[in-house]
C-alpha cells in the first residue's frame, strides 16, 4: 500500500475537524500509512473457514434475582443536595 500523501492527511483532518500543525501532519502521514499497511497484511489472511463473530470472548448473561431492598428516605436522599425546596431537589433551569 502506498504511503498516504500530505493532501490526503489534510483531507482526513478536515473531515475530523482537526487543526494540525505541519509536524503533526507529517507524523500522521507515517502513522496512518503504517496502520493501513498493517490492515492490508491482515486482509491477506484466509478467513473462508472462520465463522463471523461479534466478540472474541464467549458471551453469557449474568442474571441475579430482582429482589426489593430498602432505599433511602427522602431526608437521606436530600441530605447532600446543594438546594432543597418543599422536599425536592432544587436545580437551576436549563431551558427557558
PDB file of N, CA and C in Angstrom:
ATOM      1  N   UNK A   1       0.850  -1.176   0.000  1.00  0.00           N
ATOM      2  CA  UNK A   1       0.000   0.000   0.000  1.00  0.00           C
ATOM      3  C   UNK A   1       0.896   1.240   0.000  1.00  0.00           C
ATOM      4  N   UNK A   2       0.624   2.174  -0.871  1.00  0.00           N
ATOM      5  CA  UNK A   2       1.460   3.389  -0.914  1.00  0.00           C
ATOM      6  C   UNK A   2       1.245   4.261   0.318  1.00  0.00           C
ATOM      7  N   UNK A   3       2.240   5.063   0.593  1.00  0.00           N
ATOM      8  CA  UNK A   3       2.188   5.982   1.725  1.00  0.00           C
ATOM      9  C   UNK A   3       1.132   7.045   1.459  1.00  0.00           C
ATOM     10  N   UNK A   4       0.399   7.423   2.500  1.00  0.00           N
ATOM     11  CA  UNK A   4      -0.583   8.497   2.361  1.00  0.00           C
ATOM     12  C   UNK A   4       0.132   9.801   2.039  1.00  0.00           C
ATOM     13  N   UNK A   5      -0.473  10.590   1.191  1.00  0.00           N
ATOM     14  CA  UNK A   5       0.118  11.883   0.843  1.00  0.00           C
ATOM     15  C   UNK A   5      -0.337  12.943   1.844  1.00  0.00           C
ATOM     16  N   UNK A   6       0.363  14.040   1.853  1.00  0.00           N
ATOM     17  CA  UNK A   6       0.023  15.149   2.742  1.00  0.00           C
ATOM     18  C   UNK A   6      -1.392  15.688   2.455  1.00  0.00           C
ATOM     19  N   UNK A   7      -1.784  15.852   1.182  1.00  0.00           N
ATOM     20  CA  UNK A   7      -3.159  16.305   0.921  1.00  0.00           C
ATOM     21  C   UNK A   7      -4.227  15.328   1.438  1.00  0.00           C
ATOM     22  N   UNK A   8      -3.934  14.032   1.382  1.00  0.00           N
ATOM     23  CA  UNK A   8      -4.889  13.046   1.906  1.00  0.00           C
ATOM     24  C   UNK A   8      -5.041  13.182   3.422  1.00  0.00           C
ATOM     25  N   UNK A   9      -3.924  13.379   4.111  1.00  0.00           N
ATOM     26  CA  UNK A   9      -3.973  13.559   5.566  1.00  0.00           C
ATOM     27  C   UNK A   9      -4.689  14.865   5.905  1.00  0.00           C
ATOM     28  N   UNK A  10      -4.448  15.909   5.142  1.00  0.00           N
ATOM     29  CA  UNK A  10      -5.147  17.181   5.379  1.00  0.00           C
ATOM     30  C   UNK A  10      -6.650  17.015   5.162  1.00  0.00           C
ATOM     31  N   UNK A  11      -7.035  16.233   4.151  1.00  0.00           N
ATOM     32  CA  UNK A  11      -8.454  15.971   3.889  1.00  0.00           C
ATOM     33  C   UNK A  11      -9.084  15.204   5.052  1.00  0.00           C
ATOM     34  N   UNK A  12      -8.392  14.174   5.533  1.00  0.00           N
ATOM     35  CA  UNK A  12      -8.889  13.393   6.674  1.00  0.00           C
ATOM     36  C   UNK A  12      -9.010  14.281   7.908  1.00  0.00           C
ATOM     37  N   UNK A  13      -8.020  15.123   8.136  1.00  0.00           N
ATOM     38  CA  UNK A  13      -8.054  16.030   9.292  1.00  0.00           C
ATOM     39  C   UNK A  13      -9.209  17.012   9.170  1.00  0.00           C
ATOM     40  N   UNK A  14      -9.461  17.490   7.962  1.00  0.00           N
ATOM     41  CA  UNK A  14     -10.579  18.422   7.756  1.00  0.00           C
ATOM     42  C   UNK A  14     -11.908  17.726   8.029  1.00  0.00           C
ATOM     43  N   UNK A  15     -12.051  16.465   7.582  1.00  0.00           N
ATOM     44  CA  UNK A  15     -13.276  15.710   7.854  1.00  0.00           C
ATOM     45  C   UNK A  15     -13.489  15.509   9.348  1.00  0.00           C
ATOM     46  N   UNK A  16     -12.389  15.301  10.078  1.00  0.00           N
ATOM     47  CA  UNK A  16     -12.466  15.082  11.526  1.00  0.00           C
ATOM     48  C   UNK A  16     -12.458  16.391  12.305  1.00  0.00           C
ATOM     49  N   UNK A  17     -12.430  17.513  11.595  1.00  0.00           N
ATOM     50  CA  UNK A  17     -12.410  18.842  12.212  1.00  0.00           C
ATOM     51  C   UNK A  17     -11.210  18.992  13.151  1.00  0.00           C
ATOM     52  N   UNK A  18     -10.039  18.550  12.683  1.00  0.00           N
ATOM     53  CA  UNK A  18      -8.808  18.648  13.468  1.00  0.00           C
ATOM     54  C   UNK A  18      -7.924  19.747  12.891  1.00  0.00           C
ATOM     55  N   UNK A  19      -7.443  20.595  13.748  1.00  0.00           N
ATOM     56  CA  UNK A  19      -6.453  21.582  13.352  1.00  0.00           C
ATOM     57  C   UNK A  19      -5.079  21.024  13.658  1.00  0.00           C
ATOM     58  N   UNK A  20      -4.298  20.753  12.635  1.00  0.00           N
ATOM     59  CA  UNK A  20      -2.997  20.120  12.834  1.00  0.00           C
ATOM     60  C   UNK A  20      -1.871  21.027  12.366  1.00  0.00           C
ATOM     61  N   UNK A  21      -0.760  20.966  13.096  1.00  0.00           N
ATOM     62  CA  UNK A  21       0.440  21.678  12.669  1.00  0.00           C
ATOM     63  C   UNK A  21       1.107  20.855  11.559  1.00  0.00           C
ATOM     64  N   UNK A  22       2.077  21.444  10.888  1.00  0.00           N
ATOM     65  CA  UNK A  22       2.784  20.726   9.815  1.00  0.00           C
ATOM     66  C   UNK A  22       3.499  19.488  10.371  1.00  0.00           C
ATOM     67  N   UNK A  23       4.066  19.603  11.568  1.00  0.00           N
ATOM     68  CA  UNK A  23       4.761  18.460  12.175  1.00  0.00           C
ATOM     69  C   UNK A  23       3.772  17.336  12.482  1.00  0.00           C
ATOM     70  N   UNK A  24       2.588  17.700  12.964  1.00  0.00           N
ATOM     71  CA  UNK A  24       1.568  16.690  13.259  1.00  0.00           C
ATOM     72  C   UNK A  24       1.079  16.025  11.980  1.00  0.00           C
ATOM     73  N   UNK A  25       0.959  16.791  10.913  1.00  0.00           N
ATOM     74  CA  UNK A  25       0.537  16.209   9.632  1.00  0.00           C
ATOM     75  C   UNK A  25       1.552  15.185   9.143  1.00  0.00           C
ATOM     76  N   UNK A  26       2.845  15.524   9.246  1.00  0.00           N
ATOM     77  CA  UNK A  26       3.892  14.594   8.831  1.00  0.00           C
ATOM     78  C   UNK A  26       3.862  13.325   9.680  1.00  0.00           C
ATOM     79  N   UNK A  27       3.689  13.512  10.992  1.00  0.00           N
ATOM     80  CA  UNK A  27       3.628  12.361  11.893  1.00  0.00           C
ATOM     81  C   UNK A  27       2.429  11.488  11.550  1.00  0.00           C
ATOM     82  N   UNK A  28       1.283  12.097  11.284  1.00  0.00           N
ATOM     83  CA  UNK A  28       0.093  11.329  10.935  1.00  0.00           C
ATOM     84  C   UNK A  28       0.234  10.635   9.591  1.00  0.00           C
ATOM     85  N   UNK A  29       0.972  11.236   8.660  1.00  0.00           N
ATOM     86  CA  UNK A  29       1.247  10.562   7.385  1.00  0.00           C
ATOM     87  C   UNK A  29       1.899   9.208   7.650  1.00  0.00           C
ATOM     88  N   UNK A  30       2.914   9.220   8.507  1.00  0.00           N
ATOM     89  CA  UNK A  30       3.632   7.989   8.828  1.00  0.00           C
ATOM     90  C   UNK A  30       2.746   7.012   9.588  1.00  0.00           C
ATOM     91  N   UNK A  31       2.062   7.500  10.626  1.00  0.00           N
ATOM     92  CA  UNK A  31       1.274   6.614  11.474  1.00  0.00           C
ATOM     93  C   UNK A  31       0.086   6.013  10.733  1.00  0.00           C
ATOM     94  N   UNK A  32      -0.653   6.844   9.974  1.00  0.00           N
ATOM     95  CA  UNK A  32      -1.806   6.318   9.243  1.00  0.00           C
ATOM     96  C   UNK A  32      -1.363   5.368   8.134  1.00  0.00           C
ATOM     97  N   UNK A  33      -0.245   5.664   7.503  1.00  0.00           N
ATOM     98  CA  UNK A  33       0.285   4.755   6.480  1.00  0.00           C
ATOM     99  C   UNK A  33       0.638   3.408   7.091  1.00  0.00           C
ATOM    100  N   UNK A  34       1.248   3.415   8.272  1.00  0.00           N
ATOM    101  CA  UNK A  34       1.603   2.162   8.950  1.00  0.00           C
ATOM    102  C   UNK A  34       0.349   1.374   9.318  1.00  0.00           C
ATOM    103  N   UNK A  35      -0.684   2.060   9.765  1.00  0.00           N
ATOM    104  CA  UNK A  35      -1.937   1.384  10.107  1.00  0.00           C
ATOM    105  C   UNK A  35      -2.548   0.743   8.866  1.00  0.00           C
ATOM    106  N   UNK A  36      -2.560   1.475   7.746  1.00  0.00           N
ATOM    107  CA  UNK A  36      -3.130   0.930   6.520  1.00  0.00           C
ATOM    108  C   UNK A  36      -2.305  -0.243   5.982  1.00  0.00           C
ATOM    109  N   UNK A  37      -0.988  -0.190   6.134  1.00  0.00           N
ATOM    110  CA  UNK A  37      -0.142  -1.310   5.725  1.00  0.00           C
ATOM    111  C   UNK A  37      -0.453  -2.539   6.562  1.00  0.00           C
ATOM    112  N   UNK A  38      -0.649  -2.345   7.853  1.00  0.00           N
ATOM    113  CA  UNK A  38      -0.976  -3.471   8.733  1.00  0.00           C
ATOM    114  C   UNK A  38      -2.344  -4.043   8.375  1.00  0.00           C
ATOM    115  N   UNK A  39      -3.304  -3.184   8.075  1.00  0.00           N
ATOM    116  CA  UNK A  39      -4.632  -3.652   7.681  1.00  0.00           C
ATOM    117  C   UNK A  39      -4.548  -4.444   6.374  1.00  0.00           C
ATOM    118  N   UNK A  40      -3.678  -4.035   5.458  1.00  0.00           N
ATOM    119  CA  UNK A  40      -3.508  -4.762   4.202  1.00  0.00           C
ATOM    120  C   UNK A  40      -2.931  -6.151   4.455  1.00  0.00           C
ATOM    121  N   UNK A  41      -2.020  -6.251   5.416  1.00  0.00           N
ATOM    122  CA  UNK A  41      -1.454  -7.562   5.772  1.00  0.00           C
ATOM    123  C   UNK A  41      -2.540  -8.462   6.347  1.00  0.00           C
ATOM    124  N   UNK A  42      -3.361  -7.919   7.227  1.00  0.00           N
ATOM    125  CA  UNK A  42      -4.442  -8.700   7.833  1.00  0.00           C
ATOM    126  C   UNK A  42      -5.465  -9.110   6.770  1.00  0.00           C
ATOM    127  N   UNK A  43      -5.699  -8.261   5.789  1.00  0.00           N
ATOM    128  CA  UNK A  43      -6.641  -8.572   4.710  1.00  0.00           C
ATOM    129  C   UNK A  43      -6.201  -9.773   3.885  1.00  0.00           C
ATOM    130  N   UNK A  44      -4.928 -10.100   3.892  1.00  0.00           N
ATOM    131  CA  UNK A  44      -4.416 -11.227   3.115  1.00  0.00           C
ATOM    132  C   UNK A  44      -4.695 -12.568   3.783  1.00  0.00           C
ATOM    133  N   UNK A  45      -5.114 -12.564   5.039  1.00  0.00           N
ATOM    134  CA  UNK A  45      -5.381 -13.815   5.738  1.00  0.00           C
ATOM    135  C   UNK A  45      -6.572 -14.539   5.130  1.00  0.00           C
ATOM    136  N   UNK A  46      -6.494 -15.875   5.098  1.00  0.00           N
ATOM    137  CA  UNK A  46      -7.590 -16.688   4.591  1.00  0.00           C
ATOM    138  C   UNK A  46      -8.597 -16.890   5.720  1.00  0.00           C
ATOM    139  N   UNK A  47      -9.749 -16.259   5.591  1.00  0.00           N
ATOM    140  CA  UNK A  47     -10.783 -16.359   6.630  1.00  0.00           C
ATOM    141  C   UNK A  47     -12.034 -17.063   6.118  1.00  0.00           C
ATOM    142  N   UNK A  48     -11.885 -17.825   5.039  1.00  0.00           N
ATOM    143  CA  UNK A  48     -13.048 -18.504   4.454  1.00  0.00           C
ATOM    144  C   UNK A  48     -13.709 -19.470   5.429  1.00  0.00           C
ATOM    145  N   UNK A  49     -12.935 -20.161   6.241  1.00  0.00           N
ATOM    146  CA  UNK A  49     -13.491 -21.168   7.154  1.00  0.00           C
ATOM    147  C   UNK A  49     -13.632 -20.653   8.587  1.00  0.00           C
ATOM    148  N   UNK A  50     -13.628 -19.354   8.745  1.00  0.00           N
ATOM    149  CA  UNK A  50     -13.769 -18.754  10.071  1.00  0.00           C
ATOM    150  C   UNK A  50     -15.165 -18.152  10.167  1.00  0.00           C
ATOM    151  N   UNK A  51     -15.900 -18.579  11.180  1.00  0.00           N
ATOM    152  CA  UNK A  51     -17.263 -18.074  11.356  1.00  0.00           C
ATOM    153  C   UNK A  51     -17.219 -16.616  11.826  1.00  0.00           C
ATOM    154  N   UNK A  52     -18.121 -15.783  11.294  1.00  0.00           N
ATOM    155  CA  UNK A  52     -18.174 -14.392  11.759  1.00  0.00           C
ATOM    156  C   UNK A  52     -18.551 -14.344  13.233  1.00  0.00           C
ATOM    157  N   UNK A  53     -17.990 -13.388  13.941  1.00  0.00           N
ATOM    158  CA  UNK A  53     -18.313 -13.248  15.357  1.00  0.00           C
ATOM    159  C   UNK A  53     -18.287 -11.785  15.739  1.00  0.00           C
ATOM    160  N   UNK A  54     -18.979 -11.470  16.810  1.00  0.00           N
ATOM    161  CA  UNK A  54     -19.017 -10.093  17.281  1.00  0.00           C
ATOM    162  C   UNK A  54     -18.058  -9.854  18.429  1.00  0.00           C
ATOM    163  N   UNK A  55     -17.567 -10.935  19.035  1.00  0.00           N
ATOM    164  CA  UNK A  55     -16.662 -10.794  20.171  1.00  0.00           C
ATOM    165  C   UNK A  55     -15.723 -11.993  20.203  1.00  0.00           C
ATOM    166  N   UNK A  56     -14.513 -11.778  20.664  1.00  0.00           N
ATOM    167  CA  UNK A  56     -13.566 -12.881  20.801  1.00  0.00           C
ATOM    168  C   UNK A  56     -13.819 -13.680  22.070  1.00  0.00           C
ATOM    169  N   UNK A  57     -14.614 -13.138  22.961  1.00  0.00           N
ATOM    170  CA  UNK A  57     -14.915 -13.804  24.220  1.00  0.00           C
ATOM    171  C   UNK A  57     -16.314 -14.408  24.176  1.00  0.00           C
ATOM    172  N   UNK A  58     -16.494 -15.543  24.849  1.00  0.00           N
ATOM    173  CA  UNK A  58     -17.846 -16.112  24.875  1.00  0.00           C
ATOM    174  C   UNK A  58     -18.787 -15.195  25.664  1.00  0.00           C
ATOM    175  N   UNK A  59     -19.995 -15.034  25.144  1.00  0.00           N
ATOM    176  CA  UNK A  59     -20.956 -14.169  25.799  1.00  0.00           C
ATOM    177  C   UNK A  59     -21.866 -14.984  26.703  1.00  0.00           C
ATOM    178  N   UNK A  60     -22.132 -14.439  27.856  1.00  0.00           N
ATOM    179  CA  UNK A  60     -23.102 -15.067  28.756  1.00  0.00           C
ATOM    180  C   UNK A  60     -23.694 -13.982  29.635  1.00  0.00           C
ATOM    181  N   UNK A  61     -24.964 -14.092  29.886  1.00  0.00           N
ATOM    182  CA  UNK A  61     -25.630 -13.137  30.761  1.00  0.00           C
ATOM    183  C   UNK A  61     -25.461 -13.562  32.213  1.00  0.00           C
ATOM    184  N   UNK A  62     -25.165 -12.619  33.035  1.00  0.00           N
ATOM    185  CA  UNK A  62     -25.099 -12.879  34.468  1.00  0.00           C
ATOM    186  C   UNK A  62     -26.364 -12.279  35.054  1.00  0.00           C
ATOM    187  N   UNK A  63     -27.254 -13.145  35.435  1.00  0.00           N
ATOM    188  CA  UNK A  63     -28.534 -12.698  35.955  1.00  0.00           C
ATOM    189  C   UNK A  63     -28.571 -12.908  37.464  1.00  0.00           C
ATOM    190  N   UNK A  64     -29.198 -12.003  38.145  1.00  0.00           N
ATOM    191  CA  UNK A  64     -29.407 -12.158  39.575  1.00  0.00           C
ATOM    192  C   UNK A  64     -30.886 -11.950  39.851  1.00  0.00           C
ATOM    193  N   UNK A  65     -31.291 -12.437  40.968  1.00  0.00           N
ATOM    194  CA  UNK A  65     -32.692 -12.278  41.340  1.00  0.00           C
ATOM    195  C   UNK A  65     -32.989 -10.805  41.573  1.00  0.00           C
ATOM    196  N   UNK A  66     -34.138 -10.376  41.105  1.00  0.00           N
ATOM    197  CA  UNK A  66     -34.568  -8.999  41.299  1.00  0.00           C
ATOM    198  C   UNK A  66     -35.356  -8.952  42.600  1.00  0.00           C
ATOM    199  N   UNK A  67     -34.656  -8.645  43.669  1.00  0.00           N
ATOM    200  CA  UNK A  67     -35.311  -8.634  44.975  1.00  0.00           C
ATOM    201  C   UNK A  67     -35.331  -7.217  45.525  1.00  0.00           C
ATOM    202  N   UNK A  68     -36.438  -6.830  46.127  1.00  0.00           N
ATOM    203  CA  UNK A  68     -36.517  -5.470  46.678  1.00  0.00           C
ATOM    204  C   UNK A  68     -35.559  -5.292  47.856  1.00  0.00           C
ATOM    205  N   UNK A  69     -35.030  -4.093  47.961  1.00  0.00           N
ATOM    206  CA  UNK A  69     -34.132  -3.755  49.069  1.00  0.00           C
ATOM    207  C   UNK A  69     -34.547  -2.385  49.583  1.00  0.00           C
ATOM    208  N   UNK A  70     -34.282  -2.122  50.840  1.00  0.00           N
ATOM    209  CA  UNK A  70     -34.674  -0.814  51.372  1.00  0.00           C
ATOM    210  C   UNK A  70     -33.889   0.299  50.670  1.00  0.00           C
ATOM    211  N   UNK A  71     -34.571   1.405  50.388  1.00  0.00           N
ATOM    212  CA  UNK A  71     -33.942   2.550  49.737  1.00  0.00           C
ATOM    213  C   UNK A  71     -33.705   3.670  50.737  1.00  0.00           C
ATOM    214  N   UNK A  72     -33.338   4.810  50.219  1.00  0.00           N
ATOM    215  CA  UNK A  72     -33.095   5.970  51.061  1.00  0.00           C
ATOM    216  C   UNK A  72     -34.417   6.637  51.439  1.00  0.00           C
ATOM    217  N   UNK A  73     -34.437   7.196  52.593  1.00  0.00           N
ATOM    218  CA  UNK A  73     -35.581   8.026  52.966  1.00  0.00           C
ATOM    219  C   UNK A  73     -35.435   9.360  52.243  1.00  0.00           C
ATOM    220  N   UNK A  74     -36.504  10.114  52.071  1.00  0.00           N
ATOM    221  CA  UNK A  74     -36.368  11.417  51.412  1.00  0.00           C
ATOM    222  C   UNK A  74     -35.342  12.313  52.103  1.00  0.00           C
ATOM    223  N   UNK A  75     -35.281  12.258  53.407  1.00  0.00           N
ATOM    224  CA  UNK A  75     -34.312  13.088  54.134  1.00  0.00           C
ATOM    225  C   UNK A  75     -32.880  12.665  53.813  1.00  0.00           C
ATOM    226  N   UNK A  76     -32.637  11.349  53.742  1.00  0.00           N
ATOM    227  CA  UNK A  76     -31.291  10.860  53.419  1.00  0.00           C
ATOM    228  C   UNK A  76     -30.909  11.238  51.983  1.00  0.00           C
ATOM    229  N   UNK A  77     -31.873  11.144  51.064  1.00  0.00           N
ATOM    230  CA  UNK A  77     -31.589  11.459  49.667  1.00  0.00           C
ATOM    231  C   UNK A  77     -31.252  12.937  49.494  1.00  0.00           C
ATOM    232  N   UNK A  78     -31.892  13.799  50.258  1.00  0.00           N
ATOM    233  CA  UNK A  78     -31.700  15.243  50.116  1.00  0.00           C
ATOM    234  C   UNK A  78     -30.589  15.801  51.000  1.00  0.00           C
ATOM    235  N   UNK A  79     -29.987  14.956  51.823  1.00  0.00           N
ATOM    236  CA  UNK A  79     -29.012  15.418  52.807  1.00  0.00           C
ATOM    237  C   UNK A  79     -27.867  16.204  52.185  1.00  0.00           C
ATOM    238  N   UNK A  80     -27.307  15.768  51.065  1.00  0.00           N
ATOM    239  CA  UNK A  80     -26.149  16.434  50.448  1.00  0.00           C
ATOM    240  C   UNK A  80     -26.529  17.343  49.291  1.00  0.00           C
ATOM    241  N   UNK A  81     -27.811  17.561  49.075  1.00  0.00           N
ATOM    242  CA  UNK A  81     -28.244  18.426  47.974  1.00  0.00           C
ATOM    243  C   UNK A  81     -27.838  19.870  48.261  1.00  0.00           C
ATOM    244  N   UNK A  82     -27.341  20.586  47.260  1.00  0.00           N
ATOM    245  CA  UNK A  82     -26.960  21.973  47.495  1.00  0.00           C
ATOM    246  C   UNK A  82     -28.157  22.880  47.774  1.00  0.00           C
ATOM    247  N   UNK A  83     -29.323  22.518  47.216  1.00  0.00           N
ATOM    248  CA  UNK A  83     -30.526  23.330  47.455  1.00  0.00           C
ATOM    249  C   UNK A  83     -31.742  22.413  47.468  1.00  0.00           C
ATOM    250  N   UNK A  84     -32.611  22.638  48.464  1.00  0.00           N
ATOM    251  CA  UNK A  84     -33.833  21.839  48.619  1.00  0.00           C
ATOM    252  C   UNK A  84     -34.998  22.799  48.780  1.00  0.00           C
ATOM    253  N   UNK A  85     -36.125  22.458  48.130  1.00  0.00           N
ATOM    254  CA  UNK A  85     -37.324  23.269  48.276  1.00  0.00           C
ATOM    255  C   UNK A  85     -38.525  22.332  48.331  1.00  0.00           C
ATOM    256  N   UNK A  86     -39.299  22.419  49.399  1.00  0.00           N
ATOM    257  CA  UNK A  86     -40.500  21.609  49.592  1.00  0.00           C
ATOM    258  C   UNK A  86     -40.235  20.112  49.442  1.00  0.00           C
ATOM    259  N   UNK A  87     -39.101  19.635  49.945  1.00  0.00           N
ATOM    260  CA  UNK A  87     -38.788  18.215  49.902  1.00  0.00           C
ATOM    261  C   UNK A  87     -38.311  17.720  48.550  1.00  0.00           C
ATOM    262  N   UNK A  88     -37.861  18.622  47.665  1.00  0.00           N
ATOM    263  CA  UNK A  88     -37.382  18.259  46.331  1.00  0.00           C
ATOM    264  C   UNK A  88     -36.020  18.897  46.086  1.00  0.00           C
ATOM    265  N   UNK A  89     -35.260  18.275  45.167  1.00  0.00           N
ATOM    266  CA  UNK A  89     -34.005  18.891  44.739  1.00  0.00           C
ATOM    267  C   UNK A  89     -34.334  20.185  44.016  1.00  0.00           C
ATOM    268  N   UNK A  90     -33.590  21.209  44.266  1.00  0.00           N
ATOM    269  CA  UNK A  90     -33.783  22.492  43.615  1.00  0.00           C
ATOM    270  C   UNK A  90     -32.582  22.705  42.700  1.00  0.00           C
ATOM    271  N   UNK A  91     -32.848  22.771  41.361  1.00  0.00           N
ATOM    272  CA  UNK A  91     -31.768  22.928  40.391  1.00  0.00           C
ATOM    273  C   UNK A  91     -32.046  24.146  39.520  1.00  0.00           C
ATOM    274  N   UNK A  92     -30.991  24.658  38.939  1.00  0.00           N
ATOM    275  CA  UNK A  92     -31.104  25.801  38.057  1.00  0.00           C
ATOM    276  C   UNK A  92     -31.757  25.368  36.738  1.00  0.00           C
ATOM    277  N   UNK A  93     -32.679  26.149  36.239  1.00  0.00           N
ATOM    278  CA  UNK A  93     -33.352  25.846  34.986  1.00  0.00           C
ATOM    279  C   UNK A  93     -32.360  25.916  33.832  1.00  0.00           C
ATOM    280  N   UNK A  94     -32.432  24.943  32.918  1.00  0.00           N
ATOM    281  CA  UNK A  94     -31.538  24.975  31.764  1.00  0.00           C
ATOM    282  C   UNK A  94     -32.283  25.387  30.500  1.00  0.00           C
ATOM    283  N   UNK A  95     -33.601  25.338  30.531  1.00  0.00           N
ATOM    284  CA  UNK A  95     -34.414  25.762  29.398  1.00  0.00           C
ATOM    285  C   UNK A  95     -35.319  26.897  29.867  1.00  0.00           C
ATOM    286  N   UNK A  96     -35.465  27.865  29.028  1.00  0.00           N
ATOM    287  CA  UNK A  96     -36.342  28.984  29.386  1.00  0.00           C
ATOM    288  C   UNK A  96     -37.499  29.061  28.432  1.00  0.00           C
TER     289      UNK A  96
END
